[in-house]
Amino acid sequence: MTGASRREQTSLTILFTDLRDSTRIYRKIGDAVMAAFRRPSSALRAILSAQQRLAFPSDGVPPFYLKAGMHHGPCIAVTMNEKLDYFGSVVNMAARLERLSSGEDIILSEGGRQGPEVAEFLAAQEAGLAVERFEVQLKGFDKERFRLWRVRRLAQDGSGDSS
């Protein structure tokens, strides 16, 4: 059925990524990616792994730095013309958080950081992560300050061991 749509609300973790400095080089190619995960811990592990692999490529390939912002909460899922998409303030916030990232870190919202799996992962010594809390006002969320966390690897090497 062309043009038909279905709408539902569900809680998801939305992750936005963008290659640092790439839009200056490839003006006409959009390189931002939005991914949806059911669990914040899955999104966090996925982006840490992707950042590690891109920052330390093999065979003399230049490194890439993947900026990332992650937020968890209720989203509106819409299927239109057999294509699934997500909307709502959770999506908007994740996009704003990505812009705060340097490409060597992940910016987590309070919603993205909550939950026992994320807390345990961030606290684990073997994860080798530094977690810094900060507050900021975000465009589009007038007069509200958000508590955020910057997560980065302590040792930036090519070992690739993130678990």
Protein backbone atom coordinates (compact mmCIF):
# COMPACT_ATOMS: atom_id res chain seq x y z
CA MET A 1 0.00 0.00 0.00
CA THR A 2 1.80 3.14 -1.18
CA GLY A 3 1.48 6.13 1.14
CA ALA A 4 0.14 4.11 4.08
CA SER A 5 1.59 4.85 7.49
CA ARG A 6 1.64 3.28 10.93
CA ARG A 7 2.57 5.13 14.10
CA GLU A 8 3.49 3.87 17.59
CA GLN A 9 5.36 5.10 20.65
CA THR A 10 8.21 3.12 22.19
CA SER A 11 11.29 3.80 24.33
CA LEU A 12 14.57 3.54 22.45
CA THR A 13 18.15 4.75 22.67
CA ILE A 14 18.91 7.08 19.79
CA LEU A 15 22.55 7.46 18.74
CA PHE A 16 23.69 10.17 16.32
CA THR A 17 27.15 10.06 14.78
CA ASP A 18 29.07 12.24 12.36
CA LEU A 19 32.63 12.09 11.08
CA ARG A 20 34.60 14.99 12.55
CA ASP A 21 35.63 17.65 10.00
CA SER A 22 34.21 15.68 7.07
CA THR A 23 31.47 18.12 6.12
CA ARG A 24 34.11 20.67 5.12
CA ILE A 25 35.53 18.15 2.67
CA TYR A 26 32.33 16.51 1.38
CA ARG A 27 29.81 19.33 1.40
CA LYS A 28 27.21 17.54 -0.67
CA ILE A 29 27.41 14.14 1.02
CA GLY A 30 25.57 13.80 4.29
CA ASP A 31 27.57 11.57 6.60
CA ALA A 32 25.57 11.76 9.81
CA VAL A 33 23.92 8.53 10.95
CA MET A 34 21.04 7.94 13.31
CA ALA A 35 20.82 4.49 14.88
CA ALA A 36 18.17 3.14 17.26
CA PHE A 37 18.88 0.61 20.01
CA ARG A 38 16.52 -0.98 22.51
CA ARG A 39 19.14 -0.82 25.29
CA PRO A 40 21.52 2.09 26.08
CA SER A 41 24.34 -0.34 26.94
CA SER A 42 24.19 -1.81 23.41
CA ALA A 43 24.46 1.65 21.86
CA LEU A 44 27.38 2.60 24.11
CA ARG A 45 29.33 -0.57 23.35
CA ALA A 46 28.67 -0.20 19.61
CA ILE A 47 29.89 3.39 19.39
CA LEU A 48 32.99 2.73 21.52
CA SER A 49 33.92 -0.14 19.22
CA ALA A 50 33.30 1.93 16.06
CA GLN A 51 35.34 4.87 17.39
CA GLN A 52 38.23 2.57 18.29
CA ARG A 53 38.30 0.91 14.87
CA LEU A 54 38.08 4.20 12.96
CA ALA A 55 40.71 5.99 15.07
CA PHE A 56 43.26 3.19 14.65
CA PRO A 57 42.89 1.76 11.14
CA SER A 58 45.36 -0.69 9.68
CA ASP A 59 47.69 -0.44 6.70
CA GLY A 60 48.46 3.29 6.83
CA VAL A 61 44.89 4.43 6.31
CA PRO A 62 44.37 7.86 7.93
CA PRO A 63 42.25 7.85 11.10
CA PHE A 64 38.67 9.08 11.30
CA TYR A 65 37.06 10.49 14.42
CA LEU A 66 33.40 9.68 14.98
CA LYS A 67 31.44 12.25 16.98
CA ALA A 68 28.59 10.69 18.97
CA GLY A 69 25.60 11.76 21.07
CA MET A 70 23.27 9.33 22.80
CA HIS A 71 19.88 9.78 24.50
CA HIS A 72 17.25 7.29 25.69
CA GLY A 73 13.52 7.80 26.08
CA PRO A 74 10.13 7.62 24.38
CA CYS A 75 10.17 8.06 20.60
CA ILE A 76 7.49 8.09 17.98
CA ALA A 77 8.12 5.34 15.45
CA VAL A 78 6.49 5.87 12.07
CA THR A 79 6.40 3.44 9.18
CA MET A 80 5.53 5.20 5.94
CA ASN A 81 5.89 3.70 2.50
CA GLU A 82 7.52 0.64 4.09
CA LYS A 83 10.23 2.82 5.67
CA LEU A 84 10.70 3.08 9.45
CA ASP A 85 11.72 6.40 11.02
CA TYR A 86 11.78 7.90 14.53
CA PHE A 87 10.65 11.33 15.73
CA GLY A 88 10.34 13.33 18.95
CA SER A 89 12.39 15.19 21.51
CA VAL A 90 14.61 12.14 22.16
CA VAL A 91 15.74 12.21 18.53
CA ASN A 92 16.23 16.00 18.63
CA MET A 93 18.31 15.82 21.80
CA ALA A 94 20.55 13.01 20.51
CA ALA A 95 21.28 15.14 17.43
CA ARG A 96 22.18 18.14 19.64
CA LEU A 97 24.45 15.97 21.80
CA GLU A 98 26.42 14.72 18.79
CA ARG A 99 27.45 18.31 18.07
CA LEU A 100 29.09 18.55 21.52
CA SER A 101 31.35 15.57 20.85
CA SER A 102 35.00 15.96 19.80
CA GLY A 103 35.04 12.64 17.95
CA GLU A 104 37.15 11.01 20.65
CA ASP A 105 34.27 10.83 23.12
CA ILE A 106 30.56 10.09 23.45
CA ILE A 107 28.12 12.58 24.96
CA LEU A 108 25.47 10.83 27.07
CA SER A 109 22.27 12.35 28.35
CA GLU A 110 20.92 11.47 31.75
CA GLY A 111 18.47 9.13 30.00
CA GLY A 112 21.31 7.46 28.11
CA ARG A 113 23.39 7.01 31.25
CA GLN A 114 20.61 5.63 33.44
CA GLY A 115 20.13 1.93 33.85
CA PRO A 116 22.18 -0.65 35.67
CA GLU A 117 23.94 -2.06 32.59
CA VAL A 118 25.37 1.33 31.56
CA ALA A 119 26.33 2.23 35.13
CA GLU A 120 28.12 -1.11 35.60
CA PHE A 121 29.91 -0.81 32.26
CA LEU A 122 31.08 2.75 32.97
CA ALA A 123 32.26 1.81 36.48
CA ALA A 124 34.22 -1.27 35.37
CA GLN A 125 37.95 -0.65 35.68
CA GLU A 126 38.72 -2.92 32.74
CA ALA A 127 36.63 -0.72 30.43
CA GLY A 128 39.36 1.95 30.70
CA LEU A 129 36.92 4.86 30.45
CA ALA A 130 36.88 8.36 31.92
CA VAL A 131 33.47 9.83 32.66
CA GLU A 132 33.09 13.59 33.14
CA ARG A 133 29.82 15.23 34.15
CA PHE A 134 28.88 18.70 32.85
CA GLU A 135 25.80 20.84 32.31
CA VAL A 136 24.74 22.72 29.20
CA GLN A 137 21.78 24.45 27.62
CA LEU A 138 20.82 22.98 24.24
CA LYS A 139 19.41 24.78 21.24
CA GLY A 140 15.72 24.04 20.85
CA PHE A 141 15.27 23.24 24.56
CA ASP A 142 14.78 26.79 25.82
CA LYS A 143 15.76 27.77 29.35
CA GLU A 144 16.52 24.22 30.41
CA ARG A 145 19.97 23.03 31.48
CA PHE A 146 20.84 19.38 30.98
CA ARG A 147 23.16 17.19 33.00
CA LEU A 148 25.36 15.33 30.52
CA TRP A 149 28.33 12.99 30.62
CA ARG A 150 31.40 12.93 28.37
CA VAL A 151 32.75 9.38 28.07
CA ARG A 152 36.19 8.80 26.59
CA ARG A 153 38.87 6.13 26.63
CA LEU A 154 41.70 6.66 29.11
CA ALA A 155 44.34 5.09 26.88
CA GLN A 156 44.01 5.91 23.21
CA ASP A 157 45.80 3.02 21.55
CA GLY A 158 44.95 0.60 18.83
CA SER A 159 44.38 -2.40 21.09
CA GLY A 160 40.66 -2.44 20.31
CA ASP A 161 39.84 -4.09 23.64
CA SER A 162 36.62 -2.41 24.81
CA SER A 163 35.01 -5.08 26.95
